[in-house]
Amino acid sequence: MLHPSSQRCVALIGEAGSGVTTLAHALAAHQPDIVWLDAGATSELDANACLSASDAVIIVVSAVQGLSAELALLWERVSHLPTTVVVTHLDAPRADIDECAAVCHRVLGLDLQIPYLPIHDDDGTVAGFLDVLGDVIHVHDLSGLHVLATDDEHRALTQAYRDDLIDLLLAECADDATVEAMAIGAHVSQDQVAAWLHEGVTSARIHVALGFAAHTARGDIGLDLIASLMSATTPTLAEHQLPVLTLPDGEPTDPLQVSGPSVALVLGRDAVGTTCRIFAGAIADGAPLAAVTAGEIAPVTASWIDTKKATYGDVVHTTLDLVAGTTLASPEHIVMVESG
């Protein structure tokens, strides 16, 4: 029987200069019950290992940069996971979230929906977002976040986005009876539409683009919307496809079982130490392990920094100096996690 994961992980990937680290730090402070893995181009964490270890993915896209073929290859590896695009640098001249969505469609093949439209002050800075489904405006000023009512002009602006999104939600998430009822004029509640959106994102059938702007005076604009969506749509480790296991020589072996012998993956280093995620079992401090890297096996002893016992689903740090992609396994069950 699968055990519930004690932690959920979201990996953030993106080009250098797109703001991956800024967003990861902001999310970690705003929503600490999720582990936000900075797997951007300049991070010391390994993107391939982080994506193998994650439960959901954020692709950070700058409104003033393009997307590389390397990022497209990373995305192809995790297209089965819930994935959200976050567009940064929306304050830049000619920044356009629709254009960014079009670029993601051309390069990544993602058909993105935009549930929140950025609105700007007279000086071009992002002031907040129009909620396409909720018919409200999320506005930041010096005193914080405010939710305001829309007017007819705002509703006219959001109507096409709302219609497209609801049509997609009906096609992907609604049952036949609901679709037939709405076809003859039945009303669907806002809560139901939001539930469909969350279900669609969680199942990776729907992908959305959200905006983010970091401001010193106003605070981070859009952060609450990103954190809320990810909290509602990030599954636990037990609820999605687990990484593939092989024997050290590369031969296939039985699938990963979270309640089986201990297995962990090294993700790289951060400010605390070498970062690992536990995929199966429990590993106590001082326990003997086999470190498997590129088919080479070395005996090591578990040495955790932030816990005495790491259990299934945990993201923890060790004092061991290990290469990203290294598998830590029970000496009686030596396997490798496929992370490349």
C-alpha atoms as a PDB file:
ATOM      1  CA  MET A   1       0.000   0.000   0.000  1.00  0.00           C
ATOM      2  CA  LEU A   2       1.301   3.452  -0.897  1.00  0.00           C
ATOM      3  CA  HIS A   3       2.042   5.884   1.878  1.00  0.00           C
ATOM      4  CA  PRO A   4       1.148   9.574   1.631  1.00  0.00           C
ATOM      5  CA  SER A   5       4.138  11.759   0.826  1.00  0.00           C
ATOM      6  CA  SER A   6       5.122  14.076   3.667  1.00  0.00           C
ATOM      7  CA  GLN A   7       6.341  16.687   1.201  1.00  0.00           C
ATOM      8  CA  ARG A   8       5.461  17.832  -2.300  1.00  0.00           C
ATOM      9  CA  CYS A   9       8.134  19.068  -4.700  1.00  0.00           C
ATOM     10  CA  VAL A  10       7.899  21.553  -7.542  1.00  0.00           C
ATOM     11  CA  ALA A  11      10.891  22.042  -9.841  1.00  0.00           C
ATOM     12  CA  LEU A  12      11.432  25.428 -11.476  1.00  0.00           C
ATOM     13  CA  ILE A  13      13.312  25.445 -14.792  1.00  0.00           C
ATOM     14  CA  GLY A  14      14.120  28.265 -17.185  1.00  0.00           C
ATOM     15  CA  GLU A  15      16.763  30.105 -19.168  1.00  0.00           C
ATOM     16  CA  ALA A  16      19.536  32.080 -17.462  1.00  0.00           C
ATOM     17  CA  GLY A  17      18.218  35.542 -16.636  1.00  0.00           C
ATOM     18  CA  SER A  18      14.554  34.531 -16.692  1.00  0.00           C
ATOM     19  CA  GLY A  19      14.179  34.942 -12.916  1.00  0.00           C
ATOM     20  CA  VAL A  20      14.015  31.299 -11.796  1.00  0.00           C
ATOM     21  CA  THR A  21      15.977  31.899  -8.578  1.00  0.00           C
ATOM     22  CA  THR A  22      14.014  35.045  -7.682  1.00  0.00           C
ATOM     23  CA  LEU A  23      10.719  33.209  -8.105  1.00  0.00           C
ATOM     24  CA  ALA A  24      11.924  30.092  -6.250  1.00  0.00           C
ATOM     25  CA  HIS A  25      13.027  32.161  -3.244  1.00  0.00           C
ATOM     26  CA  ALA A  26       9.775  34.130  -3.231  1.00  0.00           C
ATOM     27  CA  LEU A  27       7.657  30.971  -3.374  1.00  0.00           C
ATOM     28  CA  ALA A  28       9.693  29.307  -0.615  1.00  0.00           C
ATOM     29  CA  ALA A  29       9.004  32.245   1.695  1.00  0.00           C
ATOM     30  CA  HIS A  30       5.338  32.502   0.693  1.00  0.00           C
ATOM     31  CA  GLN A  31       4.425  28.771   0.625  1.00  0.00           C
ATOM     32  CA  PRO A  32       6.901  26.817   2.795  1.00  0.00           C
ATOM     33  CA  ASP A  33       4.837  23.605   2.887  1.00  0.00           C
ATOM     34  CA  ILE A  34       5.992  22.848  -0.688  1.00  0.00           C
ATOM     35  CA  VAL A  35       9.643  22.233  -1.602  1.00  0.00           C
ATOM     36  CA  TRP A  36      10.556  24.589  -4.464  1.00  0.00           C
ATOM     37  CA  LEU A  37      13.602  23.253  -6.310  1.00  0.00           C
ATOM     38  CA  ASP A  38      15.561  25.916  -8.182  1.00  0.00           C
ATOM     39  CA  ALA A  39      16.669  23.910 -11.223  1.00  0.00           C
ATOM     40  CA  GLY A  40      17.312  26.924 -13.426  1.00  0.00           C
ATOM     41  CA  ALA A  41      20.246  27.311 -15.793  1.00  0.00           C
ATOM     42  CA  THR A  42      22.503  28.882 -13.139  1.00  0.00           C
ATOM     43  CA  SER A  43      21.540  26.610 -10.241  1.00  0.00           C
ATOM     44  CA  GLU A  44      23.886  24.079  -8.626  1.00  0.00           C
ATOM     45  CA  LEU A  45      20.987  21.638  -8.520  1.00  0.00           C
ATOM     46  CA  ASP A  46      20.827  19.381 -11.566  1.00  0.00           C
ATOM     47  CA  ALA A  47      17.755  19.992 -13.728  1.00  0.00           C
ATOM     48  CA  ASN A  48      17.435  16.384 -14.914  1.00  0.00           C
ATOM     49  CA  ALA A  49      17.631  14.990 -11.374  1.00  0.00           C
ATOM     50  CA  CYS A  50      15.236  17.636 -10.014  1.00  0.00           C
ATOM     51  CA  LEU A  51      12.681  16.882 -12.714  1.00  0.00           C
ATOM     52  CA  SER A  52      12.901  13.159 -11.968  1.00  0.00           C
ATOM     53  CA  ALA A  53      12.273  13.920  -8.297  1.00  0.00           C
ATOM     54  CA  SER A  54       9.447  16.440  -8.695  1.00  0.00           C
ATOM     55  CA  ASP A  55       5.686  16.203  -8.469  1.00  0.00           C
ATOM     56  CA  ALA A  56       5.018  19.249 -10.661  1.00  0.00           C
ATOM     57  CA  VAL A  57       6.975  21.698 -12.811  1.00  0.00           C
ATOM     58  CA  ILE A  58       7.077  25.459 -13.313  1.00  0.00           C
ATOM     59  CA  ILE A  59       8.648  26.665 -16.564  1.00  0.00           C
ATOM     60  CA  VAL A  60       9.837  30.232 -16.035  1.00  0.00           C
ATOM     61  CA  VAL A  61       9.739  32.264 -19.252  1.00  0.00           C
ATOM     62  CA  SER A  62      10.975  35.836 -19.545  1.00  0.00           C
ATOM     63  CA  ALA A  63       8.772  38.170 -21.575  1.00  0.00           C
ATOM     64  CA  VAL A  64      11.945  39.550 -23.189  1.00  0.00           C
ATOM     65  CA  GLN A  65      13.805  36.291 -23.954  1.00  0.00           C
ATOM     66  CA  GLY A  66      13.267  33.282 -26.150  1.00  0.00           C
ATOM     67  CA  LEU A  67      13.338  29.588 -25.329  1.00  0.00           C
ATOM     68  CA  SER A  68      16.202  27.222 -26.086  1.00  0.00           C
ATOM     69  CA  ALA A  69      16.126  23.733 -27.560  1.00  0.00           C
ATOM     70  CA  GLU A  70      17.675  22.487 -24.294  1.00  0.00           C
ATOM     71  CA  LEU A  71      14.672  23.700 -22.313  1.00  0.00           C
ATOM     72  CA  ALA A  72      12.360  22.019 -24.813  1.00  0.00           C
ATOM     73  CA  LEU A  73      14.183  18.721 -24.266  1.00  0.00           C
ATOM     74  CA  LEU A  74      13.814  19.055 -20.498  1.00  0.00           C
ATOM     75  CA  TRP A  75      10.101  19.701 -20.897  1.00  0.00           C
ATOM     76  CA  GLU A  76       9.653  16.600 -23.073  1.00  0.00           C
ATOM     77  CA  ARG A  77      10.974  14.464 -20.204  1.00  0.00           C
ATOM     78  CA  VAL A  78       8.273  15.590 -17.787  1.00  0.00           C
ATOM     79  CA  SER A  79       5.293  16.297 -20.027  1.00  0.00           C
ATOM     80  CA  HIS A  80       3.299  13.807 -17.932  1.00  0.00           C
ATOM     81  CA  LEU A  81       3.613  16.028 -14.848  1.00  0.00           C
ATOM     82  CA  PRO A  82       1.430  19.024 -13.964  1.00  0.00           C
ATOM     83  CA  THR A  83       3.197  21.950 -15.635  1.00  0.00           C
ATOM     84  CA  THR A  84       2.565  25.682 -15.327  1.00  0.00           C
ATOM     85  CA  VAL A  85       4.332  28.455 -17.209  1.00  0.00           C
ATOM     86  CA  VAL A  86       5.188  31.611 -15.247  1.00  0.00           C
ATOM     87  CA  VAL A  87       5.950  34.686 -17.353  1.00  0.00           C
ATOM     88  CA  THR A  88       8.387  37.168 -15.793  1.00  0.00           C
ATOM     89  CA  HIS A  89       9.632  40.641 -16.780  1.00  0.00           C
ATOM     90  CA  LEU A  90       6.117  41.793 -17.616  1.00  0.00           C
ATOM     91  CA  ASP A  91       7.204  45.381 -16.815  1.00  0.00           C
ATOM     92  CA  ALA A  92       9.501  45.434 -19.850  1.00  0.00           C
ATOM     93  CA  PRO A  93       8.411  47.549 -22.835  1.00  0.00           C
ATOM     94  CA  ARG A  94       6.276  45.539 -25.284  1.00  0.00           C
ATOM     95  CA  ALA A  95       6.079  42.604 -22.838  1.00  0.00           C
ATOM     96  CA  ASP A  96       3.088  40.498 -23.828  1.00  0.00           C
ATOM     97  CA  ILE A  97       1.851  37.417 -21.991  1.00  0.00           C
ATOM     98  CA  ASP A  98      -0.089  36.319 -25.077  1.00  0.00           C
ATOM     99  CA  GLU A  99       3.088  36.431 -27.175  1.00  0.00           C
ATOM    100  CA  CYS A 100       4.912  34.390 -24.539  1.00  0.00           C
ATOM    101  CA  ALA A 101       2.111  31.826 -24.666  1.00  0.00           C
ATOM    102  CA  ALA A 102       2.484  31.715 -28.450  1.00  0.00           C
ATOM    103  CA  VAL A 103       6.250  31.158 -28.135  1.00  0.00           C
ATOM    104  CA  CYS A 104       5.647  28.295 -25.689  1.00  0.00           C
ATOM    105  CA  HIS A 105       3.198  26.788 -28.159  1.00  0.00           C
ATOM    106  CA  ARG A 106       5.744  26.962 -31.016  1.00  0.00           C
ATOM    107  CA  VAL A 107       8.759  25.720 -29.037  1.00  0.00           C
ATOM    108  CA  LEU A 108       7.243  23.426 -26.398  1.00  0.00           C
ATOM    109  CA  GLY A 109       3.953  22.472 -28.009  1.00  0.00           C
ATOM    110  CA  LEU A 110       2.055  23.768 -24.979  1.00  0.00           C
ATOM    111  CA  ASP A 111      -1.447  25.105 -25.642  1.00  0.00           C
ATOM    112  CA  LEU A 112      -1.576  27.581 -22.770  1.00  0.00           C
ATOM    113  CA  GLN A 113      -4.626  29.115 -21.164  1.00  0.00           C
ATOM    114  CA  ILE A 114      -4.337  32.509 -19.426  1.00  0.00           C
ATOM    115  CA  PRO A 115      -6.658  32.704 -16.396  1.00  0.00           C
ATOM    116  CA  TYR A 116      -5.237  36.035 -15.136  1.00  0.00           C
ATOM    117  CA  LEU A 117      -4.537  38.987 -17.441  1.00  0.00           C
ATOM    118  CA  PRO A 118      -1.881  41.484 -16.257  1.00  0.00           C
ATOM    119  CA  ILE A 119      -2.938  45.095 -15.828  1.00  0.00           C
ATOM    120  CA  HIS A 120      -0.422  47.952 -15.795  1.00  0.00           C
ATOM    121  CA  ASP A 121      -0.076  51.366 -14.213  1.00  0.00           C
ATOM    122  CA  ASP A 122       0.494  54.446 -16.345  1.00  0.00           C
ATOM    123  CA  ASP A 123       4.252  54.021 -15.916  1.00  0.00           C
ATOM    124  CA  GLY A 124       4.128  50.490 -17.371  1.00  0.00           C
ATOM    125  CA  THR A 125       4.628  48.556 -14.141  1.00  0.00           C
ATOM    126  CA  VAL A 126       2.374  45.607 -13.383  1.00  0.00           C
ATOM    127  CA  ALA A 127      -0.292  46.617 -10.867  1.00  0.00           C
ATOM    128  CA  GLY A 128      -2.248  43.366 -10.673  1.00  0.00           C
ATOM    129  CA  PHE A 129      -4.250  40.813 -12.625  1.00  0.00           C
ATOM    130  CA  LEU A 130      -7.761  40.502 -14.046  1.00  0.00           C
ATOM    131  CA  ASP A 131      -9.269  37.208 -12.903  1.00  0.00           C
ATOM    132  CA  VAL A 132     -10.842  35.737 -16.040  1.00  0.00           C
ATOM    133  CA  LEU A 133     -12.983  33.192 -14.170  1.00  0.00           C
ATOM    134  CA  GLY A 134     -13.553  35.002 -10.897  1.00  0.00           C
ATOM    135  CA  ASP A 135     -14.630  38.346 -12.392  1.00  0.00           C
ATOM    136  CA  VAL A 136     -12.461  40.309  -9.934  1.00  0.00           C
ATOM    137  CA  ILE A 137      -9.169  42.214 -10.031  1.00  0.00           C
ATOM    138  CA  HIS A 138      -6.186  41.344  -7.833  1.00  0.00           C
ATOM    139  CA  VAL A 139      -4.355  44.630  -7.279  1.00  0.00           C
ATOM    140  CA  HIS A 140      -1.161  45.397  -5.337  1.00  0.00           C
ATOM    141  CA  ASP A 141      -0.291  48.762  -3.873  1.00  0.00           C
ATOM    142  CA  LEU A 142       1.901  49.991  -1.021  1.00  0.00           C
ATOM    143  CA  SER A 143      -0.523  48.592   1.562  1.00  0.00           C
ATOM    144  CA  GLY A 144      -0.684  45.097   0.081  1.00  0.00           C
ATOM    145  CA  LEU A 145      -3.046  42.949  -1.989  1.00  0.00           C
ATOM    146  CA  HIS A 146      -6.646  44.010  -2.672  1.00  0.00           C
ATOM    147  CA  VAL A 147      -9.440  42.207  -4.513  1.00  0.00           C
ATOM    148  CA  LEU A 148     -11.683  44.610  -6.424  1.00  0.00           C
ATOM    149  CA  ALA A 149     -14.840  44.236  -8.486  1.00  0.00           C
ATOM    150  CA  THR A 150     -14.645  44.460 -12.265  1.00  0.00           C
ATOM    151  CA  ASP A 151     -16.701  46.716 -14.522  1.00  0.00           C
ATOM    152  CA  ASP A 152     -18.190  46.259 -17.979  1.00  0.00           C
ATOM    153  CA  GLU A 153     -14.958  47.288 -19.698  1.00  0.00           C
ATOM    154  CA  HIS A 154     -12.988  44.647 -17.818  1.00  0.00           C
ATOM    155  CA  ARG A 155     -15.597  41.982 -18.560  1.00  0.00           C
ATOM    156  CA  ALA A 156     -15.454  42.769 -22.262  1.00  0.00           C
ATOM    157  CA  LEU A 157     -11.660  42.356 -22.128  1.00  0.00           C
ATOM    158  CA  THR A 158     -11.799  38.973 -20.386  1.00  0.00           C
ATOM    159  CA  GLN A 159     -14.807  37.461 -22.178  1.00  0.00           C
ATOM    160  CA  ALA A 160     -12.879  35.771 -24.999  1.00  0.00           C
ATOM    161  CA  TYR A 161     -10.318  34.313 -22.539  1.00  0.00           C
ATOM    162  CA  ARG A 162     -13.125  33.099 -20.282  1.00  0.00           C
ATOM    163  CA  ASP A 163     -15.057  31.482 -23.152  1.00  0.00           C
ATOM    164  CA  ASP A 164     -11.963  29.676 -24.451  1.00  0.00           C
ATOM    165  CA  LEU A 165     -11.005  28.424 -21.004  1.00  0.00           C
ATOM    166  CA  ILE A 166     -14.514  27.224 -20.105  1.00  0.00           C
ATOM    167  CA  ASP A 167     -14.861  25.455 -23.467  1.00  0.00           C
ATOM    168  CA  LEU A 168     -11.588  23.620 -22.785  1.00  0.00           C
ATOM    169  CA  LEU A 169     -12.602  22.755 -19.225  1.00  0.00           C
ATOM    170  CA  LEU A 170     -15.905  21.365 -20.449  1.00  0.00           C
ATOM    171  CA  ALA A 171     -14.145  19.259 -23.061  1.00  0.00           C
ATOM    172  CA  GLU A 172     -11.466  17.926 -20.709  1.00  0.00           C
ATOM    173  CA  CYS A 173     -13.006  17.795 -17.243  1.00  0.00           C
ATOM    174  CA  ALA A 174     -16.824  17.932 -17.276  1.00  0.00           C
ATOM    175  CA  ASP A 175     -19.057  14.873 -17.486  1.00  0.00           C
ATOM    176  CA  ASP A 176     -21.466  14.431 -20.408  1.00  0.00           C
ATOM    177  CA  ALA A 177     -24.536  15.292 -18.347  1.00  0.00           C
ATOM    178  CA  THR A 178     -23.060  18.660 -17.327  1.00  0.00           C
ATOM    179  CA  VAL A 179     -22.061  19.474 -20.900  1.00  0.00           C
ATOM    180  CA  GLU A 180     -25.564  18.680 -22.141  1.00  0.00           C
ATOM    181  CA  ALA A 181     -27.155  20.741 -19.360  1.00  0.00           C
ATOM    182  CA  MET A 182     -24.965  23.767 -20.114  1.00  0.00           C
ATOM    183  CA  ALA A 183     -25.773  23.447 -23.818  1.00  0.00           C
ATOM    184  CA  ILE A 184     -29.395  24.232 -22.996  1.00  0.00           C
ATOM    185  CA  GLY A 185     -28.581  27.097 -20.654  1.00  0.00           C
ATOM    186  CA  ALA A 186     -27.882  25.518 -17.262  1.00  0.00           C
ATOM    187  CA  HIS A 187     -25.655  27.575 -14.966  1.00  0.00           C
ATOM    188  CA  VAL A 188     -22.373  26.239 -13.604  1.00  0.00           C
ATOM    189  CA  SER A 189     -20.987  27.684 -10.394  1.00  0.00           C
ATOM    190  CA  GLN A 190     -17.650  29.464 -10.134  1.00  0.00           C
ATOM    191  CA  ASP A 191     -16.518  26.857  -7.602  1.00  0.00           C
ATOM    192  CA  GLN A 192     -17.217  24.089 -10.124  1.00  0.00           C
ATOM    193  CA  VAL A 193     -15.247  25.881 -12.829  1.00  0.00           C
ATOM    194  CA  ALA A 194     -12.317  26.364 -10.425  1.00  0.00           C
ATOM    195  CA  ALA A 195     -12.474  22.664  -9.497  1.00  0.00           C
ATOM    196  CA  TRP A 196     -12.332  21.720 -13.185  1.00  0.00           C
ATOM    197  CA  LEU A 197      -9.324  23.997 -13.666  1.00  0.00           C
ATOM    198  CA  HIS A 198      -7.489  22.401 -10.743  1.00  0.00           C
ATOM    199  CA  GLU A 199      -8.351  18.907 -11.950  1.00  0.00           C
ATOM    200  CA  GLY A 200      -7.166  19.719 -15.470  1.00  0.00           C
ATOM    201  CA  VAL A 201      -3.836  21.140 -14.312  1.00  0.00           C
ATOM    202  CA  THR A 202      -3.244  18.302 -11.822  1.00  0.00           C
ATOM    203  CA  SER A 203      -3.834  15.685 -14.520  1.00  0.00           C
ATOM    204  CA  ALA A 204      -1.535  17.538 -16.988  1.00  0.00           C
ATOM    205  CA  ARG A 205      -4.396  17.813 -19.492  1.00  0.00           C
ATOM    206  CA  ILE A 206      -4.492  21.605 -19.136  1.00  0.00           C
ATOM    207  CA  HIS A 207      -1.573  24.034 -18.888  1.00  0.00           C
ATOM    208  CA  VAL A 208      -1.820  27.665 -17.876  1.00  0.00           C
ATOM    209  CA  ALA A 209       0.373  30.747 -18.083  1.00  0.00           C
ATOM    210  CA  LEU A 210       0.587  32.982 -15.025  1.00  0.00           C
ATOM    211  CA  GLY A 211       2.419  36.279 -14.592  1.00  0.00           C
ATOM    212  CA  PHE A 212       4.945  37.378 -11.977  1.00  0.00           C
ATOM    213  CA  ALA A 213       6.551  40.745 -11.298  1.00  0.00           C
ATOM    214  CA  ALA A 214       8.984  41.415  -8.455  1.00  0.00           C
ATOM    215  CA  HIS A 215       8.654  44.914  -6.971  1.00  0.00           C
ATOM    216  CA  THR A 216      10.610  46.326  -4.048  1.00  0.00           C
ATOM    217  CA  ALA A 217       7.899  48.762  -2.963  1.00  0.00           C
ATOM    218  CA  ARG A 218       4.728  46.832  -3.741  1.00  0.00           C
ATOM    219  CA  GLY A 219       5.920  43.343  -3.082  1.00  0.00           C
ATOM    220  CA  ASP A 220       5.778  40.413  -5.473  1.00  0.00           C
ATOM    221  CA  ILE A 221       2.806  40.747  -7.801  1.00  0.00           C
ATOM    222  CA  GLY A 222       1.186  37.493  -8.888  1.00  0.00           C
ATOM    223  CA  LEU A 223       2.947  35.378  -6.264  1.00  0.00           C
ATOM    224  CA  ASP A 224      -0.270  34.606  -4.372  1.00  0.00           C
ATOM    225  CA  LEU A 225      -1.965  33.392  -7.575  1.00  0.00           C
ATOM    226  CA  ILE A 226       0.976  31.147  -8.480  1.00  0.00           C
ATOM    227  CA  ALA A 227       1.246  29.698  -4.973  1.00  0.00           C
ATOM    228  CA  SER A 228      -2.510  29.069  -4.740  1.00  0.00           C
ATOM    229  CA  LEU A 229      -2.649  27.238  -8.058  1.00  0.00           C
ATOM    230  CA  MET A 230       0.409  25.101  -7.303  1.00  0.00           C
ATOM    231  CA  SER A 231      -0.900  24.215  -3.846  1.00  0.00           C
ATOM    232  CA  ALA A 232      -4.191  23.066  -5.383  1.00  0.00           C
ATOM    233  CA  THR A 233      -2.679  21.131  -8.299  1.00  0.00           C
ATOM    234  CA  THR A 234       0.595  19.567  -7.063  1.00  0.00           C
ATOM    235  CA  PRO A 235       0.028  15.854  -6.389  1.00  0.00           C
ATOM    236  CA  THR A 236       1.899  13.748  -3.870  1.00  0.00           C
ATOM    237  CA  LEU A 237       4.690  11.401  -4.910  1.00  0.00           C
ATOM    238  CA  ALA A 238       2.285   8.456  -4.773  1.00  0.00           C
ATOM    239  CA  GLU A 239      -0.119  10.092  -7.228  1.00  0.00           C
ATOM    240  CA  HIS A 240       2.029  10.245 -10.350  1.00  0.00           C
ATOM    241  CA  GLN A 241       4.364   8.133 -12.447  1.00  0.00           C
ATOM    242  CA  LEU A 242       7.486   7.176 -10.497  1.00  0.00           C
ATOM    243  CA  PRO A 243      10.982   7.249 -12.017  1.00  0.00           C
ATOM    244  CA  VAL A 244      12.299   4.159 -13.793  1.00  0.00           C
ATOM    245  CA  LEU A 245      14.716   1.863 -11.936  1.00  0.00           C
ATOM    246  CA  THR A 246      17.550  -0.146 -13.480  1.00  0.00           C
ATOM    247  CA  LEU A 247      20.267  -2.391 -12.151  1.00  0.00           C
ATOM    248  CA  PRO A 248      23.758  -0.814 -11.971  1.00  0.00           C
ATOM    249  CA  ASP A 249      24.622  -2.419 -15.323  1.00  0.00           C
ATOM    250  CA  GLY A 250      21.665  -0.703 -16.970  1.00  0.00           C
ATOM    251  CA  GLU A 251      19.412  -3.751 -17.166  1.00  0.00           C
ATOM    252  CA  PRO A 252      15.733  -3.174 -16.312  1.00  0.00           C
ATOM    253  CA  THR A 253      14.486  -4.183 -12.908  1.00  0.00           C
ATOM    254  CA  ASP A 254      11.191  -4.187 -11.036  1.00  0.00           C
ATOM    255  CA  PRO A 255       9.391  -0.814 -10.879  1.00  0.00           C
ATOM    256  CA  LEU A 256      10.037   1.474  -7.941  1.00  0.00           C
ATOM    257  CA  GLN A 257       7.845   0.627  -4.959  1.00  0.00           C
ATOM    258  CA  VAL A 258       7.528   3.404  -2.407  1.00  0.00           C
ATOM    259  CA  SER A 259       6.988   0.910   0.410  1.00  0.00           C
ATOM    260  CA  GLY A 260       9.924  -1.266  -0.704  1.00  0.00           C
ATOM    261  CA  PRO A 261      13.659  -1.086   0.072  1.00  0.00           C
ATOM    262  CA  SER A 262      15.182   2.359   0.555  1.00  0.00           C
ATOM    263  CA  VAL A 263      15.922   4.417  -2.570  1.00  0.00           C
ATOM    264  CA  ALA A 264      16.922   8.087  -2.809  1.00  0.00           C
ATOM    265  CA  LEU A 265      18.195  10.360  -5.586  1.00  0.00           C
ATOM    266  CA  VAL A 266      20.861  13.058  -5.260  1.00  0.00           C
ATOM    267  CA  LEU A 267      19.681  16.335  -6.838  1.00  0.00           C
ATOM    268  CA  GLY A 268      22.853  18.406  -6.479  1.00  0.00           C
ATOM    269  CA  ARG A 269      23.967  21.019  -3.968  1.00  0.00           C
ATOM    270  CA  ASP A 270      22.328  24.097  -2.518  1.00  0.00           C
ATOM    271  CA  ALA A 271      23.265  26.483   0.306  1.00  0.00           C
ATOM    272  CA  VAL A 272      22.564  23.831   2.964  1.00  0.00           C
ATOM    273  CA  GLY A 273      24.330  20.813   1.483  1.00  0.00           C
ATOM    274  CA  THR A 274      23.879  17.937  -0.929  1.00  0.00           C
ATOM    275  CA  THR A 275      20.143  17.655  -1.651  1.00  0.00           C
ATOM    276  CA  CYS A 276      18.330  14.311  -1.930  1.00  0.00           C
ATOM    277  CA  ARG A 277      14.774  13.079  -2.311  1.00  0.00           C
ATOM    278  CA  ILE A 278      13.648   9.819  -0.732  1.00  0.00           C
ATOM    279  CA  PHE A 279      11.617   7.695  -3.168  1.00  0.00           C
ATOM    280  CA  ALA A 280      11.106   4.590  -1.040  1.00  0.00           C
ATOM    281  CA  GLY A 281      11.434   3.359   2.495  1.00  0.00           C
ATOM    282  CA  ALA A 282      13.176   5.211   5.322  1.00  0.00           C
ATOM    283  CA  ILE A 283      16.859   5.984   5.821  1.00  0.00           C
ATOM    284  CA  ALA A 284      18.074   6.687   9.353  1.00  0.00           C
ATOM    285  CA  ASP A 285      21.169   8.749  10.087  1.00  0.00           C
ATOM    286  CA  GLY A 286      24.135   6.375  10.210  1.00  0.00           C
ATOM    287  CA  ALA A 287      22.508   3.681   8.064  1.00  0.00           C
ATOM    288  CA  PRO A 288      24.722   1.864   5.521  1.00  0.00           C
ATOM    289  CA  LEU A 289      23.937   2.689   1.877  1.00  0.00           C
ATOM    290  CA  ALA A 290      25.217   1.962  -1.608  1.00  0.00           C
ATOM    291  CA  ALA A 291      25.945   5.053  -3.714  1.00  0.00           C
ATOM    292  CA  VAL A 292      25.464   4.155  -7.384  1.00  0.00           C
ATOM    293  CA  THR A 293      26.808   6.540 -10.046  1.00  0.00           C
ATOM    294  CA  ALA A 294      27.097   5.610 -13.718  1.00  0.00           C
ATOM    295  CA  GLY A 295      27.187   1.948 -12.755  1.00  0.00           C
ATOM    296  CA  GLU A 296      29.916   2.419 -10.140  1.00  0.00           C
ATOM    297  CA  ILE A 297      29.028   1.319  -6.608  1.00  0.00           C
ATOM    298  CA  ALA A 298      30.551   2.727  -3.422  1.00  0.00           C
ATOM    299  CA  PRO A 299      29.579   2.026   0.217  1.00  0.00           C
ATOM    300  CA  VAL A 300      28.585   5.160   2.181  1.00  0.00           C
ATOM    301  CA  THR A 301      26.931   5.960   5.498  1.00  0.00           C
ATOM    302  CA  ALA A 302      23.833   8.163   5.671  1.00  0.00           C
ATOM    303  CA  SER A 303      24.621  11.525   7.237  1.00  0.00           C
ATOM    304  CA  TRP A 304      21.618  13.844   7.312  1.00  0.00           C
ATOM    305  CA  ILE A 305      21.859  17.525   8.166  1.00  0.00           C
ATOM    306  CA  ASP A 306      18.232  18.387   8.862  1.00  0.00           C
ATOM    307  CA  THR A 307      16.758  15.146  10.242  1.00  0.00           C
ATOM    308  CA  LYS A 308      17.626  11.945  12.092  1.00  0.00           C
ATOM    309  CA  LYS A 309      15.485   9.803   9.800  1.00  0.00           C
ATOM    310  CA  ALA A 310      14.518  10.601   6.218  1.00  0.00           C
ATOM    311  CA  THR A 311      11.328   8.919   5.063  1.00  0.00           C
ATOM    312  CA  TYR A 312       9.447   8.400   1.827  1.00  0.00           C
ATOM    313  CA  GLY A 313       8.736  11.699   0.061  1.00  0.00           C
ATOM    314  CA  ASP A 314      11.160  13.823   2.089  1.00  0.00           C
ATOM    315  CA  VAL A 315      13.627  16.263   0.548  1.00  0.00           C
ATOM    316  CA  VAL A 316      16.664  16.321   2.826  1.00  0.00           C
ATOM    317  CA  HIS A 317      20.312  17.363   2.923  1.00  0.00           C
ATOM    318  CA  THR A 318      23.370  15.248   3.564  1.00  0.00           C
ATOM    319  CA  THR A 319      26.998  16.064   4.358  1.00  0.00           C
ATOM    320  CA  LEU A 320      28.076  13.467   1.790  1.00  0.00           C
ATOM    321  CA  ASP A 321      29.798  14.932  -1.274  1.00  0.00           C
ATOM    322  CA  LEU A 322      27.889  13.154  -4.033  1.00  0.00           C
ATOM    323  CA  VAL A 323      27.369  13.886  -7.720  1.00  0.00           C
ATOM    324  CA  ALA A 324      23.863  14.841  -8.890  1.00  0.00           C
ATOM    325  CA  GLY A 325      22.095  11.806 -10.302  1.00  0.00           C
ATOM    326  CA  THR A 326      23.667   9.429  -7.767  1.00  0.00           C
ATOM    327  CA  THR A 327      21.245   6.855  -6.391  1.00  0.00           C
ATOM    328  CA  LEU A 328      21.396   5.984  -2.707  1.00  0.00           C
ATOM    329  CA  ALA A 329      20.062   2.472  -2.221  1.00  0.00           C
ATOM    330  CA  SER A 330      19.831  -0.239   0.368  1.00  0.00           C
ATOM    331  CA  PRO A 331      22.944  -2.478   0.148  1.00  0.00           C
ATOM    332  CA  GLU A 332      20.558  -5.453  -0.177  1.00  0.00           C
ATOM    333  CA  HIS A 333      18.725  -3.835  -3.116  1.00  0.00           C
ATOM    334  CA  ILE A 334      21.245  -1.966  -5.274  1.00  0.00           C
ATOM    335  CA  VAL A 335      19.467  -0.099  -8.075  1.00  0.00           C
ATOM    336  CA  MET A 336      19.748   3.126 -10.075  1.00  0.00           C
ATOM    337  CA  VAL A 337      17.104   5.822 -10.566  1.00  0.00           C
ATOM    338  CA  GLU A 338      16.967   6.923 -14.192  1.00  0.00           C
ATOM    339  CA  SER A 339      17.454  10.692 -14.073  1.00  0.00           C
ATOM    340  CA  GLY A 340      18.981  11.640 -17.407  1.00  0.00           C
END
